Amino acid sequence: MPYATLEDFKAHARIGFDDDDDLIEAQIAAATEYVRGFLDHDPEADSPPSDIPDDVRQATLLIASAWYETRESTAPDSLKEIPYGARDILNQLRGWTFG
C-alpha cells in the first residue's frame, strides 16, 4: 500500500489532468519504498493497518513530486537529491543508533 494516493498527489502538485496517472502512481510507489527505508516501524505492519501518519505522507508526496518534475537528470547526481523538507521529516522519523 502506498503512503499517498493518486488524489493526494494531484492535490499536492496541482495537477488536473489524467494523462500522467500511470507515471504518477509509479513515482508514488517508488517514493513509498524510499521513505519506508527510513522508518523504524512500517505503518502497514499494524494489524489492522494504521492510518499513514501525516508526516510520512508529506515526505512521500514531496519526494514523488520532485521525481515527477525532474524525470531526467539535468546535472550529475541530480536525481539522488530529495527535497530538503522531505529530508528533515525523514531525519526525525529515522531510528538513530550510536556506538
C-alpha atoms as a PDB file:
ATOM      1  CA  MET A   1       0.000   0.000   0.000  1.00  0.00           C
ATOM      2  CA  PRO A   2       1.471   3.365  -0.965  1.00  0.00           C
ATOM      3  CA  TYR A   3       1.862   6.065   1.666  1.00  0.00           C
ATOM      4  CA  ALA A   4      -0.046   8.550  -0.529  1.00  0.00           C
ATOM      5  CA  THR A   5      -2.842   8.241  -3.046  1.00  0.00           C
ATOM      6  CA  LEU A   6      -3.062   9.477  -6.605  1.00  0.00           C
ATOM      7  CA  GLU A   7      -5.622  12.015  -5.395  1.00  0.00           C
ATOM      8  CA  ASP A   8      -3.245  13.195  -2.634  1.00  0.00           C
ATOM      9  CA  PHE A   9      -0.507  13.688  -5.207  1.00  0.00           C
ATOM     10  CA  LYS A  10      -2.686  15.557  -7.682  1.00  0.00           C
ATOM     11  CA  ALA A  11      -3.875  17.934  -4.976  1.00  0.00           C
ATOM     12  CA  HIS A  12      -0.301  18.427  -3.738  1.00  0.00           C
ATOM     13  CA  ALA A  13       1.112  19.055  -7.233  1.00  0.00           C
ATOM     14  CA  ARG A  14      -1.975  20.890  -8.539  1.00  0.00           C
ATOM     15  CA  ILE A  15      -2.467  18.509 -11.434  1.00  0.00           C
ATOM     16  CA  GLY A  16      -5.885  18.488 -13.053  1.00  0.00           C
ATOM     17  CA  PHE A  17      -5.415  16.019 -15.908  1.00  0.00           C
ATOM     18  CA  ASP A  18      -5.231  12.232 -16.120  1.00  0.00           C
ATOM     19  CA  ASP A  19      -2.575  11.741 -18.825  1.00  0.00           C
ATOM     20  CA  ASP A  20       0.263  11.009 -16.372  1.00  0.00           C
ATOM     21  CA  ASP A  21      -1.662   8.870 -13.863  1.00  0.00           C
ATOM     22  CA  ASP A  22       0.410   5.725 -14.508  1.00  0.00           C
ATOM     23  CA  LEU A  23       3.668   7.664 -14.185  1.00  0.00           C
ATOM     24  CA  ILE A  24       2.445   9.397 -11.022  1.00  0.00           C
ATOM     25  CA  GLU A  25       1.427   6.108  -9.429  1.00  0.00           C
ATOM     26  CA  ALA A  26       4.874   4.700 -10.225  1.00  0.00           C
ATOM     27  CA  GLN A  27       6.513   7.763  -8.626  1.00  0.00           C
ATOM     28  CA  ILE A  28       4.337   7.364  -5.531  1.00  0.00           C
ATOM     29  CA  ALA A  29       5.257   3.661  -5.279  1.00  0.00           C
ATOM     30  CA  ALA A  30       8.970   4.436  -5.623  1.00  0.00           C
ATOM     31  CA  ALA A  31       8.772   7.270  -3.077  1.00  0.00           C
ATOM     32  CA  THR A  32       6.913   4.979  -0.664  1.00  0.00           C
ATOM     33  CA  GLU A  33       9.716   2.414  -0.861  1.00  0.00           C
ATOM     34  CA  TYR A  34      12.300   5.155  -0.367  1.00  0.00           C
ATOM     35  CA  VAL A  35      10.518   6.522   2.714  1.00  0.00           C
ATOM     36  CA  ARG A  36       9.933   3.002   4.091  1.00  0.00           C
ATOM     37  CA  GLY A  37      13.713   2.586   4.280  1.00  0.00           C
ATOM     38  CA  PHE A  38      13.903   5.386   6.864  1.00  0.00           C
ATOM     39  CA  LEU A  39      11.173   4.132   9.176  1.00  0.00           C
ATOM     40  CA  ASP A  40      11.725   2.017  12.264  1.00  0.00           C
ATOM     41  CA  HIS A  41       8.118   0.900  12.100  1.00  0.00           C
ATOM     42  CA  ASP A  42       6.167   0.440   8.865  1.00  0.00           C
ATOM     43  CA  PRO A  43       2.588   1.701   9.368  1.00  0.00           C
ATOM     44  CA  GLU A  44       1.428  -1.143   7.113  1.00  0.00           C
ATOM     45  CA  ALA A  45       2.728  -3.718   9.614  1.00  0.00           C
ATOM     46  CA  ASP A  46      -0.006  -2.880  12.110  1.00  0.00           C
ATOM     47  CA  SER A  47      -2.938  -5.236  12.393  1.00  0.00           C
ATOM     48  CA  PRO A  48      -5.279  -3.737  11.359  1.00  0.00           C
ATOM     49  CA  PRO A  49      -3.184  -1.328   9.302  1.00  0.00           C
ATOM     50  CA  SER A  50      -2.986   2.099  10.884  1.00  0.00           C
ATOM     51  CA  ASP A  51      -3.562   5.322   9.054  1.00  0.00           C
ATOM     52  CA  ILE A  52      -0.426   6.653   7.447  1.00  0.00           C
ATOM     53  CA  PRO A  53       0.914   9.487   9.651  1.00  0.00           C
ATOM     54  CA  ASP A  54       0.705  12.932   8.063  1.00  0.00           C
ATOM     55  CA  ASP A  55       4.472  13.457   8.183  1.00  0.00           C
ATOM     56  CA  VAL A  56       5.114  10.163   6.379  1.00  0.00           C
ATOM     57  CA  ARG A  57       2.517  11.060   3.736  1.00  0.00           C
ATOM     58  CA  GLN A  58       4.027  14.542   3.321  1.00  0.00           C
ATOM     59  CA  ALA A  59       7.574  13.201   2.863  1.00  0.00           C
ATOM     60  CA  THR A  60       6.258  10.730   0.281  1.00  0.00           C
ATOM     61  CA  LEU A  61       4.466  13.496  -1.622  1.00  0.00           C
ATOM     62  CA  LEU A  62       7.486  15.805  -1.568  1.00  0.00           C
ATOM     63  CA  ILE A  63       9.765  13.098  -2.932  1.00  0.00           C
ATOM     64  CA  ALA A  64       7.293  11.797  -5.526  1.00  0.00           C
ATOM     65  CA  SER A  65       6.557  15.288  -6.814  1.00  0.00           C
ATOM     66  CA  ALA A  66      10.265  16.148  -7.037  1.00  0.00           C
ATOM     67  CA  TRP A  67      10.878  12.980  -9.032  1.00  0.00           C
ATOM     68  CA  TYR A  68       7.841  13.715 -11.229  1.00  0.00           C
ATOM     69  CA  GLU A  69       9.136  17.209 -12.008  1.00  0.00           C
ATOM     70  CA  THR A  70      12.721  16.051 -12.694  1.00  0.00           C
ATOM     71  CA  ARG A  71      12.134  12.876 -14.673  1.00  0.00           C
ATOM     72  CA  GLU A  72      15.503  13.080 -16.324  1.00  0.00           C
ATOM     73  CA  SER A  73      18.815  14.043 -14.853  1.00  0.00           C
ATOM     74  CA  THR A  74      19.873  17.518 -15.948  1.00  0.00           C
ATOM     75  CA  ALA A  75      23.033  17.601 -13.858  1.00  0.00           C
ATOM     76  CA  PRO A  76      25.239  14.883 -12.369  1.00  0.00           C
ATOM     77  CA  ASP A  77      23.588  13.231  -9.371  1.00  0.00           C
ATOM     78  CA  SER A  78      20.505  15.475  -9.525  1.00  0.00           C
ATOM     79  CA  LEU A  79      18.134  12.525  -9.229  1.00  0.00           C
ATOM     80  CA  LYS A  80      19.799  11.402  -5.987  1.00  0.00           C
ATOM     81  CA  GLU A  81      18.776  14.539  -4.124  1.00  0.00           C
ATOM     82  CA  ILE A  82      15.488  14.707  -2.267  1.00  0.00           C
ATOM     83  CA  PRO A  83      13.752  17.926  -1.230  1.00  0.00           C
ATOM     84  CA  TYR A  84      15.061  19.487   1.972  1.00  0.00           C
ATOM     85  CA  GLY A  85      11.634  19.365   3.617  1.00  0.00           C
ATOM     86  CA  ALA A  86      11.400  15.639   2.995  1.00  0.00           C
ATOM     87  CA  ARG A  87      14.933  15.119   4.297  1.00  0.00           C
ATOM     88  CA  ASP A  88      14.062  16.985   7.506  1.00  0.00           C
ATOM     89  CA  ILE A  89      10.931  14.895   8.026  1.00  0.00           C
ATOM     90  CA  LEU A  90      12.778  11.627   7.366  1.00  0.00           C
ATOM     91  CA  ASN A  91      15.616  12.558   9.718  1.00  0.00           C
ATOM     92  CA  GLN A  92      13.051  12.983  12.507  1.00  0.00           C
ATOM     93  CA  LEU A  93      11.473   9.606  11.727  1.00  0.00           C
ATOM     94  CA  ARG A  94      14.711   7.699  11.306  1.00  0.00           C
ATOM     95  CA  GLY A  95      15.894   5.415  14.068  1.00  0.00           C
ATOM     96  CA  TRP A  96      19.328   6.611  15.080  1.00  0.00           C
ATOM     97  CA  THR A  97      21.774   4.378  16.913  1.00  0.00           C
ATOM     98  CA  PHE A  98      25.215   5.355  18.101  1.00  0.00           C
ATOM     99  CA  GLY A  99      28.100   3.279  19.329  1.00  0.00           C
END
